[in-house]
Amino acid sequence: MVLYNVTVSIDREIETEWLEWMRKTHIPQVMETGCFQECRISRIQGEEDGGSAYSFLYLAPNQAKMDEYQEKHAPFLQQDHAQRYGGKFAAFRTLLTVIEEFKR
């Protein structure tokens, strides 16, 4: 399993509208690619200067699906986000490979 974490710091003045767009448009588009099994939205605790920070954690079943997403889908989806909210956010992405799970 591969975890794809996208951390976004967003200006507070557009936070509500942006989060609605993420929930209703962007995340469904990402999920429709068939590359991910689920997505979790988390608000990062703590204050950001002039903004709020969120984590979007997507679960891909394997590296092949992650590669497919990055090659075929990510450029368009990231460009769409940048065109809508350019100058109002900062984002960084992290890939993590699950090596072991503990569940209760």
C-alpha atoms as a PDB file:
ATOM      1  CA  MET A   1       0.000   0.000   0.000  1.00  0.00           C
ATOM      2  CA  VAL A   2       1.217   3.489  -0.850  1.00  0.00           C
ATOM      3  CA  LEU A   3       0.080   6.602   1.006  1.00  0.00           C
ATOM      4  CA  TYR A   4       0.014   9.849  -0.939  1.00  0.00           C
ATOM      5  CA  ASN A   5      -0.199  12.830   1.389  1.00  0.00           C
ATOM      6  CA  VAL A   6      -0.958  16.299   0.047  1.00  0.00           C
ATOM      7  CA  THR A   7      -0.534  19.069   2.622  1.00  0.00           C
ATOM      8  CA  VAL A   8      -2.101  22.410   1.736  1.00  0.00           C
ATOM      9  CA  SER A   9      -1.939  25.736   3.539  1.00  0.00           C
ATOM     10  CA  ILE A  10      -4.839  27.882   2.333  1.00  0.00           C
ATOM     11  CA  ASP A  11      -5.652  31.564   2.873  1.00  0.00           C
ATOM     12  CA  ARG A  12      -8.468  31.961   5.384  1.00  0.00           C
ATOM     13  CA  GLU A  13     -10.363  34.376   3.124  1.00  0.00           C
ATOM     14  CA  ILE A  14     -11.135  31.562   0.678  1.00  0.00           C
ATOM     15  CA  GLU A  15     -10.915  28.564   3.009  1.00  0.00           C
ATOM     16  CA  THR A  16     -14.645  27.741   3.145  1.00  0.00           C
ATOM     17  CA  GLU A  17     -15.177  27.971  -0.617  1.00  0.00           C
ATOM     18  CA  TRP A  18     -11.949  26.062  -1.331  1.00  0.00           C
ATOM     19  CA  LEU A  19     -12.794  23.240   1.092  1.00  0.00           C
ATOM     20  CA  GLU A  20     -16.249  22.907  -0.476  1.00  0.00           C
ATOM     21  CA  TRP A  21     -14.655  22.700  -3.936  1.00  0.00           C
ATOM     22  CA  MET A  22     -12.170  20.110  -2.689  1.00  0.00           C
ATOM     23  CA  ARG A  23     -14.976  17.958  -1.237  1.00  0.00           C
ATOM     24  CA  LYS A  24     -17.428  18.233  -4.131  1.00  0.00           C
ATOM     25  CA  THR A  25     -15.158  18.504  -7.154  1.00  0.00           C
ATOM     26  CA  HIS A  26     -11.453  17.838  -6.741  1.00  0.00           C
ATOM     27  CA  ILE A  27     -11.454  14.769  -4.475  1.00  0.00           C
ATOM     28  CA  PRO A  28     -14.221  13.052  -6.489  1.00  0.00           C
ATOM     29  CA  GLN A  29     -12.160  13.676  -9.651  1.00  0.00           C
ATOM     30  CA  VAL A  30      -9.075  12.159  -8.015  1.00  0.00           C
ATOM     31  CA  MET A  31     -11.065   9.149  -6.801  1.00  0.00           C
ATOM     32  CA  GLU A  32     -12.637   8.658 -10.264  1.00  0.00           C
ATOM     33  CA  THR A  33      -9.168   7.933 -11.663  1.00  0.00           C
ATOM     34  CA  GLY A  34      -9.414   4.505 -10.021  1.00  0.00           C
ATOM     35  CA  CYS A  35      -5.925   4.885  -8.571  1.00  0.00           C
ATOM     36  CA  PHE A  36      -6.943   5.249  -4.928  1.00  0.00           C
ATOM     37  CA  GLN A  37      -9.066   3.239  -2.509  1.00  0.00           C
ATOM     38  CA  GLU A  38      -9.895   6.076  -0.128  1.00  0.00           C
ATOM     39  CA  CYS A  39      -9.135   9.628   0.874  1.00  0.00           C
ATOM     40  CA  ARG A  40      -9.044  11.179   4.337  1.00  0.00           C
ATOM     41  CA  ILE A  41      -9.188  14.910   5.023  1.00  0.00           C
ATOM     42  CA  SER A  42      -7.581  16.190   8.206  1.00  0.00           C
ATOM     43  CA  ARG A  43      -7.193  19.705   9.487  1.00  0.00           C
ATOM     44  CA  ILE A  44      -3.706  20.257  10.824  1.00  0.00           C
ATOM     45  CA  GLN A  45      -3.888  21.531  14.362  1.00  0.00           C
ATOM     46  CA  GLY A  46      -2.142  24.785  15.161  1.00  0.00           C
ATOM     47  CA  GLU A  47      -2.232  28.235  13.705  1.00  0.00           C
ATOM     48  CA  GLU A  48      -0.715  29.126  10.359  1.00  0.00           C
ATOM     49  CA  ASP A  49       0.115  32.755   9.619  1.00  0.00           C
ATOM     50  CA  GLY A  50      -2.775  33.972   7.483  1.00  0.00           C
ATOM     51  CA  GLY A  51      -4.121  30.534   6.693  1.00  0.00           C
ATOM     52  CA  SER A  52      -5.230  27.091   7.705  1.00  0.00           C
ATOM     53  CA  ALA A  53      -3.532  23.824   6.840  1.00  0.00           C
ATOM     54  CA  TYR A  54      -5.074  20.545   5.720  1.00  0.00           C
ATOM     55  CA  SER A  55      -3.807  17.070   4.925  1.00  0.00           C
ATOM     56  CA  PHE A  56      -5.379  14.959   2.180  1.00  0.00           C
ATOM     57  CA  LEU A  57      -4.268  11.354   2.573  1.00  0.00           C
ATOM     58  CA  TYR A  58      -4.965   9.079  -0.382  1.00  0.00           C
ATOM     59  CA  LEU A  59      -4.441   5.296  -0.203  1.00  0.00           C
ATOM     60  CA  ALA A  60      -3.211   3.568  -3.351  1.00  0.00           C
ATOM     61  CA  PRO A  61      -3.181  -0.235  -3.377  1.00  0.00           C
ATOM     62  CA  ASN A  62       0.303  -0.412  -4.943  1.00  0.00           C
ATOM     63  CA  GLN A  63       3.104   1.587  -6.547  1.00  0.00           C
ATOM     64  CA  ALA A  64       1.806   0.862 -10.064  1.00  0.00           C
ATOM     65  CA  LYS A  65      -1.461   2.679  -9.303  1.00  0.00           C
ATOM     66  CA  MET A  66       0.466   5.566  -7.749  1.00  0.00           C
ATOM     67  CA  ASP A  67       2.682   5.812 -10.835  1.00  0.00           C
ATOM     68  CA  GLU A  68      -0.391   5.737 -13.079  1.00  0.00           C
ATOM     69  CA  TYR A  69      -1.924   8.610 -11.134  1.00  0.00           C
ATOM     70  CA  GLN A  70       1.236  10.709 -11.265  1.00  0.00           C
ATOM     71  CA  GLU A  71       1.799  10.118 -14.976  1.00  0.00           C
ATOM     72  CA  LYS A  72      -1.737  10.257 -16.378  1.00  0.00           C
ATOM     73  CA  HIS A  73      -3.861  12.318 -13.994  1.00  0.00           C
ATOM     74  CA  ALA A  74      -1.904  14.479 -11.554  1.00  0.00           C
ATOM     75  CA  PRO A  75      -0.659  17.123 -14.029  1.00  0.00           C
ATOM     76  CA  PHE A  76      -4.177  18.106 -15.121  1.00  0.00           C
ATOM     77  CA  LEU A  77      -5.696  17.960 -11.645  1.00  0.00           C
ATOM     78  CA  GLN A  78      -2.869  19.961 -10.082  1.00  0.00           C
ATOM     79  CA  GLN A  79      -3.039  22.543 -12.875  1.00  0.00           C
ATOM     80  CA  ASP A  80      -6.787  22.964 -12.355  1.00  0.00           C
ATOM     81  CA  HIS A  81      -6.218  23.606  -8.633  1.00  0.00           C
ATOM     82  CA  ALA A  82      -3.392  26.069  -9.333  1.00  0.00           C
ATOM     83  CA  GLN A  83      -5.473  28.008 -11.869  1.00  0.00           C
ATOM     84  CA  ARG A  84      -8.371  28.355  -9.437  1.00  0.00           C
ATOM     85  CA  TYR A  85      -6.409  29.191  -6.301  1.00  0.00           C
ATOM     86  CA  GLY A  86      -3.001  30.407  -7.493  1.00  0.00           C
ATOM     87  CA  GLY A  87      -1.321  32.722  -4.997  1.00  0.00           C
ATOM     88  CA  LYS A  88      -3.741  31.681  -2.229  1.00  0.00           C
ATOM     89  CA  PHE A  89      -2.156  28.376  -1.201  1.00  0.00           C
ATOM     90  CA  ALA A  90       1.056  26.471  -0.692  1.00  0.00           C
ATOM     91  CA  ALA A  91       1.195  22.705  -1.133  1.00  0.00           C
ATOM     92  CA  PHE A  92       3.648  19.879  -0.791  1.00  0.00           C
ATOM     93  CA  ARG A  93       3.299  16.205  -1.487  1.00  0.00           C
ATOM     94  CA  THR A  94       4.780  13.161   0.247  1.00  0.00           C
ATOM     95  CA  LEU A  95       4.757   9.489  -0.764  1.00  0.00           C
ATOM     96  CA  LEU A  96       4.939   6.864   1.948  1.00  0.00           C
ATOM     97  CA  THR A  97       5.179   3.107   1.544  1.00  0.00           C
ATOM     98  CA  VAL A  98       3.399   1.145   4.254  1.00  0.00           C
ATOM     99  CA  ILE A  99       5.787  -1.462   5.618  1.00  0.00           C
ATOM    100  CA  GLU A 100       3.660  -2.758   8.473  1.00  0.00           C
ATOM    101  CA  GLU A 101       0.210  -2.183   9.981  1.00  0.00           C
ATOM    102  CA  PHE A 102      -1.034  -2.609  13.534  1.00  0.00           C
ATOM    103  CA  LYS A 103      -4.774  -2.637  14.093  1.00  0.00           C
ATOM    104  CA  ARG A 104      -6.882  -3.111  17.117  1.00  0.00           C
END
